[in-house]
Amino acid sequence: MSEKKRYTIADFTAIEPVECPCGLSRRAYIEASEGKVSFHRLDVKIDAQLHYHKEHEEIYYILEGEGFLELDGEKIPVKPGSSVMIHPYCRHRAIGKLKVINVSLPSFDMNDEFFD
């Protein structure tokens, strides 16, 4: 009888990117956490779409590039090492060529993505 491992490993080089309002995202840990959290590697496209979530909290951590996060109409400058927590109903988008880690609580659900 094998014991279930108490950890999960994700190889982001093997995860196929999917299009999202901000660019291309590689998402991990949705199933492993039973929907509690997801961890994304996001490559932001220049023309990211403004959107919001009703249920999700998101944390953005900037890995590379400089630009802005537009948050409820306010442009916040970001650079490597910057981090922002985005609460439900905050209209947001990334601006600039950025590489970002995004953590979503609960895990990402495309049914909780809204556009004005």
PDB file of N, CA and C in Angstrom:
ATOM      1  N   MET A   1       0.848  -1.177   0.000  1.00  0.00           N
ATOM      2  CA  MET A   1       0.000   0.000   0.000  1.00  0.00           C
ATOM      3  C   MET A   1       0.897   1.245   0.000  1.00  0.00           C
ATOM      4  N   SER A   2       0.703   2.103  -0.990  1.00  0.00           N
ATOM      5  CA  SER A   2       1.537   3.308  -1.044  1.00  0.00           C
ATOM      6  C   SER A   2       0.854   4.462  -0.312  1.00  0.00           C
ATOM      7  N   GLU A   3       1.678   5.248   0.303  1.00  0.00           N
ATOM      8  CA  GLU A   3       1.192   6.399   1.055  1.00  0.00           C
ATOM      9  C   GLU A   3       1.097   7.596   0.111  1.00  0.00           C
ATOM     10  N   LYS A   4       0.025   8.369   0.222  1.00  0.00           N
ATOM     11  CA  LYS A   4      -0.137   9.556  -0.609  1.00  0.00           C
ATOM     12  C   LYS A   4       0.890  10.603  -0.184  1.00  0.00           C
ATOM     13  N   LYS A   5       1.554  11.201  -1.187  1.00  0.00           N
ATOM     14  CA  LYS A   5       2.541  12.234  -0.891  1.00  0.00           C
ATOM     15  C   LYS A   5       1.846  13.482  -0.375  1.00  0.00           C
ATOM     16  N   ARG A   6       2.523  14.174   0.520  1.00  0.00           N
ATOM     17  CA  ARG A   6       1.971  15.385   1.111  1.00  0.00           C
ATOM     18  C   ARG A   6       2.551  16.634   0.463  1.00  0.00           C
ATOM     19  N   TYR A   7       2.908  16.523  -0.813  1.00  0.00           N
ATOM     20  CA  TYR A   7       3.387  17.670  -1.580  1.00  0.00           C
ATOM     21  C   TYR A   7       3.058  17.440  -3.048  1.00  0.00           C
ATOM     22  N   THR A   8       3.060  18.518  -3.808  1.00  0.00           N
ATOM     23  CA  THR A   8       2.820  18.469  -5.246  1.00  0.00           C
ATOM     24  C   THR A   8       3.864  19.335  -5.931  1.00  0.00           C
ATOM     25  N   ILE A   9       4.397  18.842  -7.027  1.00  0.00           N
ATOM     26  CA  ILE A   9       5.409  19.565  -7.787  1.00  0.00           C
ATOM     27  C   ILE A   9       4.811  19.969  -9.130  1.00  0.00           C
ATOM     28  N   ALA A  10       5.103  21.204  -9.561  1.00  0.00           N
ATOM     29  CA  ALA A  10       4.673  21.661 -10.885  1.00  0.00           C
ATOM     30  C   ALA A  10       5.897  22.055 -11.692  1.00  0.00           C
ATOM     31  N   ASP A  11       5.969  21.571 -12.920  1.00  0.00           N
ATOM     32  CA  ASP A  11       7.024  21.947 -13.855  1.00  0.00           C
ATOM     33  C   ASP A  11       6.418  22.928 -14.844  1.00  0.00           C
ATOM     34  N   PHE A  12       6.660  24.221 -14.632  1.00  0.00           N
ATOM     35  CA  PHE A  12       6.042  25.246 -15.466  1.00  0.00           C
ATOM     36  C   PHE A  12       6.534  25.200 -16.904  1.00  0.00           C
ATOM     37  N   THR A  13       7.662  24.557 -17.176  1.00  0.00           N
ATOM     38  CA  THR A  13       8.112  24.421 -18.561  1.00  0.00           C
ATOM     39  C   THR A  13       7.261  23.407 -19.312  1.00  0.00           C
ATOM     40  N   ALA A  14       6.555  22.551 -18.587  1.00  0.00           N
ATOM     41  CA  ALA A  14       5.720  21.527 -19.211  1.00  0.00           C
ATOM     42  C   ALA A  14       4.239  21.912 -19.247  1.00  0.00           C
ATOM     43  N   ILE A  15       3.865  23.011 -18.611  1.00  0.00           N
ATOM     44  CA  ILE A  15       2.462  23.439 -18.575  1.00  0.00           C
ATOM     45  C   ILE A  15       2.182  24.291 -19.808  1.00  0.00           C
ATOM     46  N   GLU A  16       1.174  23.911 -20.569  1.00  0.00           N
ATOM     47  CA  GLU A  16       0.796  24.666 -21.763  1.00  0.00           C
ATOM     48  C   GLU A  16       0.178  25.998 -21.344  1.00  0.00           C
ATOM     49  N   PRO A  17       0.620  27.099 -21.947  1.00  0.00           N
ATOM     50  CA  PRO A  17       0.016  28.387 -21.620  1.00  0.00           C
ATOM     51  C   PRO A  17      -1.382  28.489 -22.222  1.00  0.00           C
ATOM     52  N   VAL A  18      -2.260  29.204 -21.515  1.00  0.00           N
ATOM     53  CA  VAL A  18      -3.610  29.483 -22.003  1.00  0.00           C
ATOM     54  C   VAL A  18      -3.789  30.991 -22.069  1.00  0.00           C
ATOM     55  N   GLU A  19      -4.590  31.433 -23.036  1.00  0.00           N
ATOM     56  CA  GLU A  19      -4.855  32.858 -23.150  1.00  0.00           C
ATOM     57  C   GLU A  19      -5.777  33.296 -22.024  1.00  0.00           C
ATOM     58  N   CYS A  20      -5.522  34.502 -21.526  1.00  0.00           N
ATOM     59  CA  CYS A  20      -6.353  35.106 -20.497  1.00  0.00           C
ATOM     60  C   CYS A  20      -6.429  36.598 -20.802  1.00  0.00           C
ATOM     61  N   PRO A  21      -7.243  37.367 -20.092  1.00  0.00           N
ATOM     62  CA  PRO A  21      -7.373  38.797 -20.391  1.00  0.00           C
ATOM     63  C   PRO A  21      -6.062  39.574 -20.316  1.00  0.00           C
ATOM     64  N   CYS A  22      -5.090  39.057 -19.576  1.00  0.00           N
ATOM     65  CA  CYS A  22      -3.822  39.776 -19.412  1.00  0.00           C
ATOM     66  C   CYS A  22      -2.715  39.274 -20.332  1.00  0.00           C
ATOM     67  N   GLY A  23      -2.882  38.128 -20.951  1.00  0.00           N
ATOM     68  CA  GLY A  23      -1.823  37.587 -21.812  1.00  0.00           C
ATOM     69  C   GLY A  23      -1.857  36.084 -21.857  1.00  0.00           C
ATOM     70  N   LEU A  24      -0.724  35.459 -21.529  1.00  0.00           N
ATOM     71  CA  LEU A  24      -0.622  33.998 -21.499  1.00  0.00           C
ATOM     72  C   LEU A  24      -0.307  33.543 -20.084  1.00  0.00           C
ATOM     73  N   SER A  25      -1.072  32.572 -19.607  1.00  0.00           N
ATOM     74  CA  SER A  25      -0.923  32.104 -18.237  1.00  0.00           C
ATOM     75  C   SER A  25      -0.673  30.603 -18.203  1.00  0.00           C
ATOM     76  N   ARG A  26       0.251  30.205 -17.340  1.00  0.00           N
ATOM     77  CA  ARG A  26       0.472  28.792 -17.026  1.00  0.00           C
ATOM     78  C   ARG A  26      -0.027  28.620 -15.595  1.00  0.00           C
ATOM     79  N   ARG A  27      -0.979  27.720 -15.386  1.00  0.00           N
ATOM     80  CA  ARG A  27      -1.631  27.591 -14.085  1.00  0.00           C
ATOM     81  C   ARG A  27      -1.351  26.234 -13.453  1.00  0.00           C
ATOM     82  N   ALA A  28      -1.094  26.268 -12.143  1.00  0.00           N
ATOM     83  CA  ALA A  28      -0.809  25.026 -11.422  1.00  0.00           C
ATOM     84  C   ALA A  28      -1.562  24.977 -10.102  1.00  0.00           C
ATOM     85  N   TYR A  29      -1.691  23.787  -9.579  1.00  0.00           N
ATOM     86  CA  TYR A  29      -2.184  23.472  -8.234  1.00  0.00           C
ATOM     87  C   TYR A  29      -3.697  23.601  -8.043  1.00  0.00           C
ATOM     88  N   ILE A  30      -4.461  23.821  -9.096  1.00  0.00           N
ATOM     89  CA  ILE A  30      -5.919  23.928  -8.947  1.00  0.00           C
ATOM     90  C   ILE A  30      -6.481  22.610  -8.421  1.00  0.00           C
ATOM     91  N   GLU A  31      -6.177  21.521  -9.096  1.00  0.00           N
ATOM     92  CA  GLU A  31      -6.695  20.216  -8.669  1.00  0.00           C
ATOM     93  C   GLU A  31      -6.045  19.754  -7.374  1.00  0.00           C
ATOM     94  N   ALA A  32      -4.731  19.946  -7.258  1.00  0.00           N
ATOM     95  CA  ALA A  32      -4.014  19.475  -6.066  1.00  0.00           C
ATOM     96  C   ALA A  32      -4.521  20.139  -4.788  1.00  0.00           C
ATOM     97  N   SER A  33      -4.992  21.393  -4.908  1.00  0.00           N
ATOM     98  CA  SER A  33      -5.493  22.093  -3.712  1.00  0.00           C
ATOM     99  C   SER A  33      -7.012  21.969  -3.572  1.00  0.00           C
ATOM    100  N   GLU A  34      -7.609  21.160  -4.435  1.00  0.00           N
ATOM    101  CA  GLU A  34      -9.061  20.984  -4.458  1.00  0.00           C
ATOM    102  C   GLU A  34      -9.769  22.328  -4.571  1.00  0.00           C
ATOM    103  N   GLY A  35      -9.218  23.206  -5.426  1.00  0.00           N
ATOM    104  CA  GLY A  35      -9.849  24.488  -5.703  1.00  0.00           C
ATOM    105  C   GLY A  35      -9.589  25.593  -4.704  1.00  0.00           C
ATOM    106  N   LYS A  36      -8.709  25.360  -3.739  1.00  0.00           N
ATOM    107  CA  LYS A  36      -8.453  26.379  -2.710  1.00  0.00           C
ATOM    108  C   LYS A  36      -7.533  27.494  -3.191  1.00  0.00           C
ATOM    109  N   VAL A  37      -6.584  27.166  -4.090  1.00  0.00           N
ATOM    110  CA  VAL A  37      -5.595  28.148  -4.539  1.00  0.00           C
ATOM    111  C   VAL A  37      -5.064  27.726  -5.905  1.00  0.00           C
ATOM    112  N   SER A  38      -4.643  28.711  -6.678  1.00  0.00           N
ATOM    113  CA  SER A  38      -3.885  28.404  -7.894  1.00  0.00           C
ATOM    114  C   SER A  38      -2.729  29.383  -8.015  1.00  0.00           C
ATOM    115  N   PHE A  39      -1.691  28.923  -8.679  1.00  0.00           N
ATOM    116  CA  PHE A  39      -0.430  29.651  -8.810  1.00  0.00           C
ATOM    117  C   PHE A  39      -0.156  29.764 -10.297  1.00  0.00           C
ATOM    118  N   HIS A  40       0.006  30.986 -10.805  1.00  0.00           N
ATOM    119  CA  HIS A  40       0.111  31.224 -12.244  1.00  0.00           C
ATOM    120  C   HIS A  40       1.411  31.925 -12.582  1.00  0.00           C
ATOM    121  N   ARG A  41       2.004  31.530 -13.697  1.00  0.00           N
ATOM    122  CA  ARG A  41       3.108  32.280 -14.316  1.00  0.00           C
ATOM    123  C   ARG A  41       2.471  33.010 -15.484  1.00  0.00           C
ATOM    124  N   LEU A  42       2.473  34.326 -15.441  1.00  0.00           N
ATOM    125  CA  LEU A  42       1.752  35.140 -16.413  1.00  0.00           C
ATOM    126  C   LEU A  42       2.718  35.994 -17.221  1.00  0.00           C
ATOM    127  N   ASP A  43       2.626  35.884 -18.540  1.00  0.00           N
ATOM    128  CA  ASP A  43       3.349  36.763 -19.456  1.00  0.00           C
ATOM    129  C   ASP A  43       2.327  37.765 -19.965  1.00  0.00           C
ATOM    130  N   VAL A  44       2.469  39.018 -19.537  1.00  0.00           N
ATOM    131  CA  VAL A  44       1.483  40.054 -19.846  1.00  0.00           C
ATOM    132  C   VAL A  44       1.665  40.541 -21.274  1.00  0.00           C
ATOM    133  N   LYS A  45       0.543  40.651 -21.983  1.00  0.00           N
ATOM    134  CA  LYS A  45       0.583  41.271 -23.305  1.00  0.00           C
ATOM    135  C   LYS A  45       0.341  42.769 -23.120  1.00  0.00           C
ATOM    136  N   ILE A  46       0.759  43.537 -24.064  1.00  0.00           N
ATOM    137  CA  ILE A  46       0.689  44.997 -23.954  1.00  0.00           C
ATOM    138  C   ILE A  46      -0.758  45.487 -23.815  1.00  0.00           C
ATOM    139  N   ASP A  47      -1.695  44.859 -24.498  1.00  0.00           N
ATOM    140  CA  ASP A  47      -3.079  45.332 -24.503  1.00  0.00           C
ATOM    141  C   ASP A  47      -3.987  44.474 -23.607  1.00  0.00           C
ATOM    142  N   ALA A  48      -3.575  44.254 -22.371  1.00  0.00           N
ATOM    143  CA  ALA A  48      -4.361  43.449 -21.429  1.00  0.00           C
ATOM    144  C   ALA A  48      -5.747  44.067 -21.240  1.00  0.00           C
ATOM    145  N   GLN A  49      -6.741  43.207 -21.049  1.00  0.00           N
ATOM    146  CA  GLN A  49      -8.132  43.648 -20.896  1.00  0.00           C
ATOM    147  C   GLN A  49      -8.473  43.959 -19.445  1.00  0.00           C
ATOM    148  N   LEU A  50      -9.187  45.037 -19.240  1.00  0.00           N
ATOM    149  CA  LEU A  50      -9.694  45.384 -17.916  1.00  0.00           C
ATOM    150  C   LEU A  50     -10.772  44.371 -17.536  1.00  0.00           C
ATOM    151  N   HIS A  51     -10.676  43.827 -16.326  1.00  0.00           N
ATOM    152  CA  HIS A  51     -11.643  42.834 -15.872  1.00  0.00           C
ATOM    153  C   HIS A  51     -11.690  42.841 -14.341  1.00  0.00           C
ATOM    154  N   TYR A  52     -12.600  42.047 -13.788  1.00  0.00           N
ATOM    155  CA  TYR A  52     -12.695  41.910 -12.334  1.00  0.00           C
ATOM    156  C   TYR A  52     -13.238  40.535 -11.983  1.00  0.00           C
ATOM    157  N   HIS A  53     -13.119  40.201 -10.718  1.00  0.00           N
ATOM    158  CA  HIS A  53     -13.621  38.935 -10.186  1.00  0.00           C
ATOM    159  C   HIS A  53     -14.548  39.251  -9.022  1.00  0.00           C
ATOM    160  N   LYS A  54     -15.590  38.473  -8.863  1.00  0.00           N
ATOM    161  CA  LYS A  54     -16.515  38.669  -7.743  1.00  0.00           C
ATOM    162  C   LYS A  54     -16.097  37.870  -6.517  1.00  0.00           C
ATOM    163  N   GLU A  55     -15.397  36.772  -6.724  1.00  0.00           N
ATOM    164  CA  GLU A  55     -15.048  35.868  -5.620  1.00  0.00           C
ATOM    165  C   GLU A  55     -13.557  35.793  -5.312  1.00  0.00           C
ATOM    166  N   HIS A  56     -12.719  36.080  -6.278  1.00  0.00           N
ATOM    167  CA  HIS A  56     -11.280  35.839  -6.126  1.00  0.00           C
ATOM    168  C   HIS A  56     -10.517  37.008  -5.513  1.00  0.00           C
ATOM    169  N   GLU A  57      -9.585  36.666  -4.659  1.00  0.00           N
ATOM    170  CA  GLU A  57      -8.505  37.563  -4.258  1.00  0.00           C
ATOM    171  C   GLU A  57      -7.340  37.145  -5.141  1.00  0.00           C
ATOM    172  N   GLU A  58      -6.579  38.113  -5.639  1.00  0.00           N
ATOM    173  CA  GLU A  58      -5.400  37.792  -6.432  1.00  0.00           C
ATOM    174  C   GLU A  58      -4.205  38.541  -5.869  1.00  0.00           C
ATOM    175  N   ILE A  59      -3.072  37.880  -5.913  1.00  0.00           N
ATOM    176  CA  ILE A  59      -1.816  38.534  -5.541  1.00  0.00           C
ATOM    177  C   ILE A  59      -0.923  38.490  -6.771  1.00  0.00           C
ATOM    178  N   TYR A  60      -0.467  39.663  -7.197  1.00  0.00           N
ATOM    179  CA  TYR A  60       0.471  39.785  -8.302  1.00  0.00           C
ATOM    180  C   TYR A  60       1.856  40.056  -7.722  1.00  0.00           C
ATOM    181  N   TYR A  61       2.845  39.338  -8.210  1.00  0.00           N
ATOM    182  CA  TYR A  61       4.246  39.586  -7.848  1.00  0.00           C
ATOM    183  C   TYR A  61       5.017  39.745  -9.156  1.00  0.00           C
ATOM    184  N   ILE A  62       5.639  40.888  -9.351  1.00  0.00           N
ATOM    185  CA  ILE A  62       6.330  41.185 -10.602  1.00  0.00           C
ATOM    186  C   ILE A  62       7.729  40.557 -10.586  1.00  0.00           C
ATOM    187  N   LEU A  63       7.988  39.703 -11.585  1.00  0.00           N
ATOM    188  CA  LEU A  63       9.288  39.059 -11.741  1.00  0.00           C
ATOM    189  C   LEU A  63      10.208  39.862 -12.648  1.00  0.00           C
ATOM    190  N   GLU A  64       9.660  40.309 -13.797  1.00  0.00           N
ATOM    191  CA  GLU A  64      10.463  40.999 -14.808  1.00  0.00           C
ATOM    192  C   GLU A  64       9.648  42.108 -15.446  1.00  0.00           C
ATOM    193  N   GLY A  65      10.350  43.140 -15.901  1.00  0.00           N
ATOM    194  CA  GLY A  65       9.731  44.233 -16.638  1.00  0.00           C
ATOM    195  C   GLY A  65       9.272  45.353 -15.724  1.00  0.00           C
ATOM    196  N   GLU A  66       8.929  46.454 -16.358  1.00  0.00           N
ATOM    197  CA  GLU A  66       8.371  47.594 -15.627  1.00  0.00           C
ATOM    198  C   GLU A  66       7.130  48.055 -16.349  1.00  0.00           C
ATOM    199  N   GLY A  67       6.159  48.507 -15.601  1.00  0.00           N
ATOM    200  CA  GLY A  67       4.899  48.951 -16.177  1.00  0.00           C
ATOM    201  C   GLY A  67       3.976  49.414 -15.081  1.00  0.00           C
ATOM    202  N   PHE A  68       2.701  49.087 -15.250  1.00  0.00           N
ATOM    203  CA  PHE A  68       1.685  49.531 -14.297  1.00  0.00           C
ATOM    204  C   PHE A  68       0.665  48.426 -14.066  1.00  0.00           C
ATOM    205  N   LEU A  69       0.036  48.465 -12.906  1.00  0.00           N
ATOM    206  CA  LEU A  69      -1.217  47.757 -12.693  1.00  0.00           C
ATOM    207  C   LEU A  69      -2.276  48.840 -12.612  1.00  0.00           C
ATOM    208  N   GLU A  70      -3.286  48.720 -13.456  1.00  0.00           N
ATOM    209  CA  GLU A  70      -4.421  49.635 -13.383  1.00  0.00           C
ATOM    210  C   GLU A  70      -5.422  49.015 -12.422  1.00  0.00           C
ATOM    211  N   LEU A  71      -5.715  49.723 -11.345  1.00  0.00           N
ATOM    212  CA  LEU A  71      -6.580  49.221 -10.277  1.00  0.00           C
ATOM    213  C   LEU A  71      -7.677  50.239 -10.025  1.00  0.00           C
ATOM    214  N   ASP A  72      -8.916  49.896 -10.402  1.00  0.00           N
ATOM    215  CA  ASP A  72     -10.054  50.817 -10.269  1.00  0.00           C
ATOM    216  C   ASP A  72      -9.723  52.204 -10.828  1.00  0.00           C
ATOM    217  N   GLY A  73      -9.083  52.240 -11.996  1.00  0.00           N
ATOM    218  CA  GLY A  73      -8.795  53.484 -12.682  1.00  0.00           C
ATOM    219  C   GLY A  73      -7.496  54.165 -12.293  1.00  0.00           C
ATOM    220  N   GLU A  74      -6.832  53.675 -11.263  1.00  0.00           N
ATOM    221  CA  GLU A  74      -5.560  54.261 -10.815  1.00  0.00           C
ATOM    222  C   GLU A  74      -4.407  53.418 -11.354  1.00  0.00           C
ATOM    223  N   LYS A  75      -3.408  54.067 -11.965  1.00  0.00           N
ATOM    224  CA  LYS A  75      -2.243  53.348 -12.487  1.00  0.00           C
ATOM    225  C   LYS A  75      -1.143  53.343 -11.441  1.00  0.00           C
ATOM    226  N   ILE A  76      -0.820  52.135 -10.964  1.00  0.00           N
ATOM    227  CA  ILE A  76       0.204  51.935  -9.945  1.00  0.00           C
ATOM    228  C   ILE A  76       1.473  51.434 -10.636  1.00  0.00           C
ATOM    229  N   PRO A  77       2.601  52.165 -10.505  1.00  0.00           N
ATOM    230  CA  PRO A  77       3.837  51.681 -11.137  1.00  0.00           C
ATOM    231  C   PRO A  77       4.331  50.403 -10.459  1.00  0.00           C
ATOM    232  N   VAL A  78       4.800  49.453 -11.291  1.00  0.00           N
ATOM    233  CA  VAL A  78       5.339  48.198 -10.766  1.00  0.00           C
ATOM    234  C   VAL A  78       6.669  47.889 -11.445  1.00  0.00           C
ATOM    235  N   LYS A  79       7.504  47.147 -10.735  1.00  0.00           N
ATOM    236  CA  LYS A  79       8.819  46.725 -11.222  1.00  0.00           C
ATOM    237  C   LYS A  79       9.139  45.410 -10.516  1.00  0.00           C
ATOM    238  N   PRO A  80      10.213  44.744 -10.885  1.00  0.00           N
ATOM    239  CA  PRO A  80      10.555  43.491 -10.204  1.00  0.00           C
ATOM    240  C   PRO A  80      10.615  43.668  -8.688  1.00  0.00           C
ATOM    241  N   GLY A  81       9.932  42.773  -7.995  1.00  0.00           N
ATOM    242  CA  GLY A  81       9.861  42.842  -6.532  1.00  0.00           C
ATOM    243  C   GLY A  81       8.589  43.487  -6.028  1.00  0.00           C
ATOM    244  N   SER A  82       7.851  44.198  -6.898  1.00  0.00           N
ATOM    245  CA  SER A  82       6.570  44.796  -6.495  1.00  0.00           C
ATOM    246  C   SER A  82       5.520  43.708  -6.342  1.00  0.00           C
ATOM    247  N   SER A  83       4.603  43.908  -5.410  1.00  0.00           N
ATOM    248  CA  SER A  83       3.506  42.975  -5.212  1.00  0.00           C
ATOM    249  C   SER A  83       2.247  43.746  -4.836  1.00  0.00           C
ATOM    250  N   VAL A  84       1.112  43.286  -5.350  1.00  0.00           N
ATOM    251  CA  VAL A  84      -0.172  43.930  -5.080  1.00  0.00           C
ATOM    252  C   VAL A  84      -1.207  42.842  -4.827  1.00  0.00           C
ATOM    253  N   MET A  85      -2.027  43.019  -3.782  1.00  0.00           N
ATOM    254  CA  MET A  85      -3.172  42.137  -3.560  1.00  0.00           C
ATOM    255  C   MET A  85      -4.405  42.831  -4.125  1.00  0.00           C
ATOM    256  N   ILE A  86      -5.129  42.132  -4.970  1.00  0.00           N
ATOM    257  CA  ILE A  86      -6.312  42.683  -5.633  1.00  0.00           C
ATOM    258  C   ILE A  86      -7.544  41.991  -5.058  1.00  0.00           C
ATOM    259  N   HIS A  87      -8.437  42.789  -4.495  1.00  0.00           N
ATOM    260  CA  HIS A  87      -9.633  42.264  -3.835  1.00  0.00           C
ATOM    261  C   HIS A  87     -10.793  42.124  -4.832  1.00  0.00           C
ATOM    262  N   PRO A  88     -11.823  41.335  -4.479  1.00  0.00           N
ATOM    263  CA  PRO A  88     -12.972  41.182  -5.368  1.00  0.00           C
ATOM    264  C   PRO A  88     -13.557  42.539  -5.784  1.00  0.00           C
ATOM    265  N   TYR A  89     -14.060  42.568  -7.002  1.00  0.00           N
ATOM    266  CA  TYR A  89     -14.711  43.710  -7.645  1.00  0.00           C
ATOM    267  C   TYR A  89     -13.762  44.825  -8.058  1.00  0.00           C
ATOM    268  N   CYS A  90     -12.469  44.721  -7.777  1.00  0.00           N
ATOM    269  CA  CYS A  90     -11.502  45.726  -8.233  1.00  0.00           C
ATOM    270  C   CYS A  90     -11.259  45.491  -9.726  1.00  0.00           C
ATOM    271  N   ARG A  91     -11.599  46.480 -10.532  1.00  0.00           N
ATOM    272  CA  ARG A  91     -11.308  46.394 -11.967  1.00  0.00           C
ATOM    273  C   ARG A  91      -9.800  46.538 -12.134  1.00  0.00           C
ATOM    274  N   HIS A  92      -9.209  45.607 -12.870  1.00  0.00           N
ATOM    275  CA  HIS A  92      -7.750  45.612 -12.967  1.00  0.00           C
ATOM    276  C   HIS A  92      -7.255  45.076 -14.295  1.00  0.00           C
ATOM    277  N   ARG A  93      -6.023  45.490 -14.593  1.00  0.00           N
ATOM    278  CA  ARG A  93      -5.278  44.963 -15.727  1.00  0.00           C
ATOM    279  C   ARG A  93      -3.825  45.360 -15.552  1.00  0.00           C
ATOM    280  N   ALA A  94      -2.956  44.594 -16.168  1.00  0.00           N
ATOM    281  CA  ALA A  94      -1.530  44.911 -16.181  1.00  0.00           C
ATOM    282  C   ALA A  94      -1.227  45.663 -17.468  1.00  0.00           C
ATOM    283  N   ILE A  95      -0.305  46.621 -17.380  1.00  0.00           N
ATOM    284  CA  ILE A  95       0.089  47.420 -18.536  1.00  0.00           C
ATOM    285  C   ILE A  95       1.606  47.356 -18.666  1.00  0.00           C
ATOM    286  N   GLY A  96       2.083  46.948 -19.822  1.00  0.00           N
ATOM    287  CA  GLY A  96       3.519  46.842 -20.055  1.00  0.00           C
ATOM    288  C   GLY A  96       3.914  45.402 -20.278  1.00  0.00           C
ATOM    289  N   LYS A  97       5.125  45.213 -20.732  1.00  0.00           N
ATOM    290  CA  LYS A  97       5.632  43.851 -20.954  1.00  0.00           C
ATOM    291  C   LYS A  97       6.189  43.351 -19.624  1.00  0.00           C
ATOM    292  N   LEU A  98       5.412  42.517 -18.944  1.00  0.00           N
ATOM    293  CA  LEU A  98       5.750  42.051 -17.601  1.00  0.00           C
ATOM    294  C   LEU A  98       5.702  40.530 -17.538  1.00  0.00           C
ATOM    295  N   LYS A  99       6.503  39.967 -16.659  1.00  0.00           N
ATOM    296  CA  LYS A  99       6.378  38.562 -16.266  1.00  0.00           C
ATOM    297  C   LYS A  99       5.975  38.600 -14.800  1.00  0.00           C
ATOM    298  N   VAL A 100       4.895  37.895 -14.488  1.00  0.00           N
ATOM    299  CA  VAL A 100       4.249  38.017 -13.194  1.00  0.00           C
ATOM    300  C   VAL A 100       3.939  36.643 -12.620  1.00  0.00           C
ATOM    301  N   ILE A 101       4.059  36.521 -11.312  1.00  0.00           N
ATOM    302  CA  ILE A 101       3.467  35.392 -10.596  1.00  0.00           C
ATOM    303  C   ILE A 101       2.135  35.903 -10.050  1.00  0.00           C
ATOM    304  N   ASN A 102       1.100  35.120 -10.263  1.00  0.00           N
ATOM    305  CA  ASN A 102      -0.239  35.472  -9.796  1.00  0.00           C
ATOM    306  C   ASN A 102      -0.741  34.313  -8.945  1.00  0.00           C
ATOM    307  N   VAL A 103      -1.178  34.625  -7.742  1.00  0.00           N
ATOM    308  CA  VAL A 103      -1.776  33.624  -6.862  1.00  0.00           C
ATOM    309  C   VAL A 103      -3.243  33.984  -6.714  1.00  0.00           C
ATOM    310  N   SER A 104      -4.119  33.027  -6.943  1.00  0.00           N
ATOM    311  CA  SER A 104      -5.560  33.254  -6.871  1.00  0.00           C
ATOM    312  C   SER A 104      -6.162  32.419  -5.750  1.00  0.00           C
ATOM    313  N   LEU A 105      -6.935  33.092  -4.896  1.00  0.00           N
ATOM    314  CA  LEU A 105      -7.625  32.444  -3.776  1.00  0.00           C
ATOM    315  C   LEU A 105      -9.112  32.761  -3.858  1.00  0.00           C
ATOM    316  N   PRO A 106     -10.022  31.826  -4.001  1.00  0.00           N
ATOM    317  CA  PRO A 106      -9.762  30.421  -4.302  1.00  0.00           C
ATOM    318  C   PRO A 106      -9.122  30.296  -5.680  1.00  0.00           C
ATOM    319  N   SER A 107      -8.924  29.063  -6.115  1.00  0.00           N
ATOM    320  CA  SER A 107      -8.235  28.847  -7.380  1.00  0.00           C
ATOM    321  C   SER A 107      -9.012  29.462  -8.545  1.00  0.00           C
ATOM    322  N   PHE A 108      -8.265  29.747  -9.611  1.00  0.00           N
ATOM    323  CA  PHE A 108      -8.846  30.389 -10.788  1.00  0.00           C
ATOM    324  C   PHE A 108     -10.066  29.629 -11.284  1.00  0.00           C
ATOM    325  N   ASP A 109     -11.095  30.394 -11.651  1.00  0.00           N
ATOM    326  CA  ASP A 109     -12.321  29.856 -12.229  1.00  0.00           C
ATOM    327  C   ASP A 109     -12.762  30.838 -13.297  1.00  0.00           C
ATOM    328  N   MET A 110     -12.789  30.403 -14.553  1.00  0.00           N
ATOM    329  CA  MET A 110     -13.138  31.311 -15.643  1.00  0.00           C
ATOM    330  C   MET A 110     -14.557  31.867 -15.508  1.00  0.00           C
ATOM    331  N   ASN A 111     -15.412  31.233 -14.718  1.00  0.00           N
ATOM    332  CA  ASN A 111     -16.768  31.744 -14.495  1.00  0.00           C
ATOM    333  C   ASN A 111     -16.782  32.929 -13.537  1.00  0.00           C
ATOM    334  N   ASP A 112     -15.628  33.249 -12.935  1.00  0.00           N
ATOM    335  CA  ASP A 112     -15.530  34.408 -12.043  1.00  0.00           C
ATOM    336  C   ASP A 112     -14.667  35.496 -12.692  1.00  0.00           C
ATOM    337  N   GLU A 113     -14.809  35.639 -13.990  1.00  0.00           N
ATOM    338  CA  GLU A 113     -14.062  36.654 -14.735  1.00  0.00           C
ATOM    339  C   GLU A 113     -15.095  37.508 -15.470  1.00  0.00           C
ATOM    340  N   PHE A 114     -15.129  38.812 -15.158  1.00  0.00           N
ATOM    341  CA  PHE A 114     -16.178  39.683 -15.688  1.00  0.00           C
ATOM    342  C   PHE A 114     -15.569  40.910 -16.362  1.00  0.00           C
ATOM    343  N   PHE A 115     -16.266  41.385 -17.387  1.00  0.00           N
ATOM    344  CA  PHE A 115     -15.832  42.537 -18.176  1.00  0.00           C
ATOM    345  C   PHE A 115     -16.978  43.537 -18.216  1.00  0.00           C
ATOM    346  N   ASP A 116     -16.639  44.829 -18.158  1.00  0.00           N
ATOM    347  CA  ASP A 116     -17.679  45.866 -18.249  1.00  0.00           C
ATOM    348  C   ASP A 116     -18.063  46.103 -19.691  1.00  0.00           C
TER     349      ASP A 116
END
